[in-house]
Amino acid sequence: MQQVFTVSEAATVLRAHPNIIRKLLNAGRLGGFRVGRAWRITDSDLNAYMATQGRLSHTDIQWQDLMQAQESALQAVWNNADDEIWNNA
């Protein structure tokens, strides 16, 4: 199953401003599709774009490490001792 990115997430992967990603999408230089007014970009579209730019694929730049760090930070918020009061009610 393909992973789908928002413009903001694709900007993080490509280390570019979201406006640059939108310009690439509108110009057809980066593949993507619209969901309503919002753009979505598949991981194969990102890899294809990076291949044309001479860059490594996003999986090669520790994308998984970034996502795991983000998930760990969120787990600390979700699983805090203050919430135990609500869980036992």
C-alpha atoms as a PDB file:
ATOM      1  CA  MET A   1       0.000   0.000   0.000  1.00  0.00           C
ATOM      2  CA  GLN A   2       1.344   3.401  -0.934  1.00  0.00           C
ATOM      3  CA  GLN A   3       1.940   6.071   1.637  1.00  0.00           C
ATOM      4  CA  VAL A   4       0.245   9.399   0.889  1.00  0.00           C
ATOM      5  CA  PHE A   5       1.679  12.738   2.025  1.00  0.00           C
ATOM      6  CA  THR A   6       0.175  16.181   2.477  1.00  0.00           C
ATOM      7  CA  VAL A   7       1.935  19.197   0.998  1.00  0.00           C
ATOM      8  CA  SER A   8       3.412  19.984   4.403  1.00  0.00           C
ATOM      9  CA  GLU A   9       4.718  16.439   4.884  1.00  0.00           C
ATOM     10  CA  ALA A  10       6.165  16.385   1.358  1.00  0.00           C
ATOM     11  CA  ALA A  11       7.856  19.718   2.103  1.00  0.00           C
ATOM     12  CA  THR A  12       9.480  18.153   5.169  1.00  0.00           C
ATOM     13  CA  VAL A  13      10.711  15.194   3.128  1.00  0.00           C
ATOM     14  CA  LEU A  14      12.110  17.411   0.368  1.00  0.00           C
ATOM     15  CA  ARG A  15      13.337  20.021   2.843  1.00  0.00           C
ATOM     16  CA  ALA A  16      11.504  22.763   0.974  1.00  0.00           C
ATOM     17  CA  HIS A  17       8.819  25.313   1.764  1.00  0.00           C
ATOM     18  CA  PRO A  18       5.217  24.119   1.192  1.00  0.00           C
ATOM     19  CA  ASN A  19       4.737  26.900  -1.392  1.00  0.00           C
ATOM     20  CA  ILE A  20       7.556  25.383  -3.475  1.00  0.00           C
ATOM     21  CA  ILE A  21       5.807  22.004  -3.345  1.00  0.00           C
ATOM     22  CA  ARG A  22       2.550  23.610  -4.508  1.00  0.00           C
ATOM     23  CA  LYS A  23       4.378  25.316  -7.399  1.00  0.00           C
ATOM     24  CA  LEU A  24       5.938  22.002  -8.438  1.00  0.00           C
ATOM     25  CA  LEU A  25       2.530  20.309  -8.304  1.00  0.00           C
ATOM     26  CA  ASN A  26       0.807  23.061 -10.292  1.00  0.00           C
ATOM     27  CA  ALA A  27       3.582  22.999 -12.909  1.00  0.00           C
ATOM     28  CA  GLY A  28       3.336  19.211 -13.223  1.00  0.00           C
ATOM     29  CA  ARG A  29       6.956  18.678 -12.182  1.00  0.00           C
ATOM     30  CA  LEU A  30       5.868  16.729  -9.088  1.00  0.00           C
ATOM     31  CA  GLY A  31       3.128  14.148  -9.383  1.00  0.00           C
ATOM     32  CA  GLY A  32       0.145  14.337  -7.078  1.00  0.00           C
ATOM     33  CA  PHE A  33      -3.615  14.406  -6.920  1.00  0.00           C
ATOM     34  CA  ARG A  34      -6.243  16.612  -5.373  1.00  0.00           C
ATOM     35  CA  VAL A  35      -8.646  15.761  -2.587  1.00  0.00           C
ATOM     36  CA  GLY A  36     -11.025  18.696  -2.778  1.00  0.00           C
ATOM     37  CA  ARG A  37      -8.752  21.721  -2.848  1.00  0.00           C
ATOM     38  CA  ALA A  38      -5.859  19.989  -1.062  1.00  0.00           C
ATOM     39  CA  TRP A  39      -2.995  18.217  -2.790  1.00  0.00           C
ATOM     40  CA  ARG A  40      -1.806  14.726  -1.876  1.00  0.00           C
ATOM     41  CA  ILE A  41       1.477  13.187  -3.012  1.00  0.00           C
ATOM     42  CA  THR A  42       2.296   9.467  -3.033  1.00  0.00           C
ATOM     43  CA  ASP A  43       5.657   8.115  -1.964  1.00  0.00           C
ATOM     44  CA  SER A  44       6.271   6.891  -5.532  1.00  0.00           C
ATOM     45  CA  ASP A  45       5.679  10.454  -6.801  1.00  0.00           C
ATOM     46  CA  LEU A  46       8.219  11.765  -4.282  1.00  0.00           C
ATOM     47  CA  ASN A  47      10.742   9.078  -5.217  1.00  0.00           C
ATOM     48  CA  ALA A  48      10.271   9.802  -8.931  1.00  0.00           C
ATOM     49  CA  TYR A  49      10.808  13.524  -8.369  1.00  0.00           C
ATOM     50  CA  MET A  50      13.897  12.934  -6.240  1.00  0.00           C
ATOM     51  CA  ALA A  51      15.306  10.575  -8.853  1.00  0.00           C
ATOM     52  CA  THR A  52      15.032  13.343 -11.465  1.00  0.00           C
ATOM     53  CA  GLN A  53      16.797  15.697  -9.070  1.00  0.00           C
ATOM     54  CA  GLY A  54      19.646  13.292  -8.310  1.00  0.00           C
ATOM     55  CA  ARG A  55      18.524  12.813  -4.705  1.00  0.00           C
ATOM     56  CA  LEU A  56      18.070   9.651  -2.694  1.00  0.00           C
ATOM     57  CA  SER A  57      14.578   8.359  -2.078  1.00  0.00           C
ATOM     58  CA  HIS A  58      12.806   9.634   1.014  1.00  0.00           C
ATOM     59  CA  THR A  59      13.216   6.233   2.682  1.00  0.00           C
ATOM     60  CA  ASP A  60      16.965   6.720   2.452  1.00  0.00           C
ATOM     61  CA  ILE A  61      16.918   9.952   4.457  1.00  0.00           C
ATOM     62  CA  GLN A  62      15.686   8.400   7.668  1.00  0.00           C
ATOM     63  CA  TRP A  63      11.982   9.197   7.125  1.00  0.00           C
ATOM     64  CA  GLN A  64      11.049   6.295   9.381  1.00  0.00           C
ATOM     65  CA  ASP A  65      13.278   7.677  12.153  1.00  0.00           C
ATOM     66  CA  LEU A  66      11.527  11.043  11.900  1.00  0.00           C
ATOM     67  CA  MET A  67       8.088   9.427  12.115  1.00  0.00           C
ATOM     68  CA  GLN A  68       9.121   7.277  15.090  1.00  0.00           C
ATOM     69  CA  ALA A  69      10.456  10.314  16.940  1.00  0.00           C
ATOM     70  CA  GLN A  70       7.214  12.162  16.291  1.00  0.00           C
ATOM     71  CA  GLU A  71       5.178   9.176  17.482  1.00  0.00           C
ATOM     72  CA  SER A  72       7.294   8.882  20.647  1.00  0.00           C
ATOM     73  CA  ALA A  73       6.720  12.539  21.426  1.00  0.00           C
ATOM     74  CA  LEU A  74       2.971  12.128  20.954  1.00  0.00           C
ATOM     75  CA  GLN A  75       2.892   8.992  23.100  1.00  0.00           C
ATOM     76  CA  ALA A  76       4.350  11.007  25.962  1.00  0.00           C
ATOM     77  CA  VAL A  77       1.420  13.408  25.677  1.00  0.00           C
ATOM     78  CA  TRP A  78      -1.222  10.721  25.210  1.00  0.00           C
ATOM     79  CA  ASN A  79      -0.006   8.418  27.973  1.00  0.00           C
ATOM     80  CA  ASN A  80       0.522  10.771  30.876  1.00  0.00           C
ATOM     81  CA  ALA A  81      -0.378  10.225  34.531  1.00  0.00           C
ATOM     82  CA  ASP A  82      -2.995  13.005  34.548  1.00  0.00           C
ATOM     83  CA  ASP A  83      -5.120  10.990  32.127  1.00  0.00           C
ATOM     84  CA  GLU A  84      -5.301   8.075  34.547  1.00  0.00           C
ATOM     85  CA  ILE A  85      -7.982  10.009  36.472  1.00  0.00           C
ATOM     86  CA  TRP A  86     -10.232   9.886  33.396  1.00  0.00           C
ATOM     87  CA  ASN A  87      -9.432   6.272  32.583  1.00  0.00           C
ATOM     88  CA  ASN A  88     -10.563   5.092  36.017  1.00  0.00           C
ATOM     89  CA  ALA A  89     -13.814   7.097  36.083  1.00  0.00           C
END
